[in-house]
Amino acid sequence: MSLDQVLERTTINFPATIGTEEAEKLLEHIAAKLGCRIEYHLSENMRLEYDKQLKKICKSAESAKIRGGIYGKEICASFESFGFFASAPAYQGIRFFTPPGYDLSEISKEEIGLMDSVRKQVEAFFSKRK
């Protein structure tokens, strides 16, 4: 399989951009529906800069990311969010980690199954938003 095929299978694009609060609600939805445990870390990269014209320190956020793991019965799938940062975090999807150079056939069926189950729950979550 090509890299594009691996990325397509291991990436979940959200149908709409969501912020941090809604991203956490999505993770809660996935944990409840799959009966699994999700551990995650929210991080923001911040910048402090002295503005000579304003004569004060200005603080701004540069980026934000969610990284974590989804733990099924005997399997774990690690992930990170992707998106952009405007005036607040804007998450556009999640990407599951896979070892570099791996073909999809080298990833366990259980892990692929967990990724597929997460994808279905993401679709269900966003279908309720409409």
Foldseek 3Di string as FASTA:
>chain_A
DDPVVLFVLQKAFAPFWDADVVVVVLVVLLCVVQVWDKDKDKDWAKDWDQDPVVRGIDIATFAMKMWIWIDHPDDIWTKMFDDGADRGYITGIIGTDDPPPDDPVPDDPVRSVSSVSSNVSSVVSVVVVD
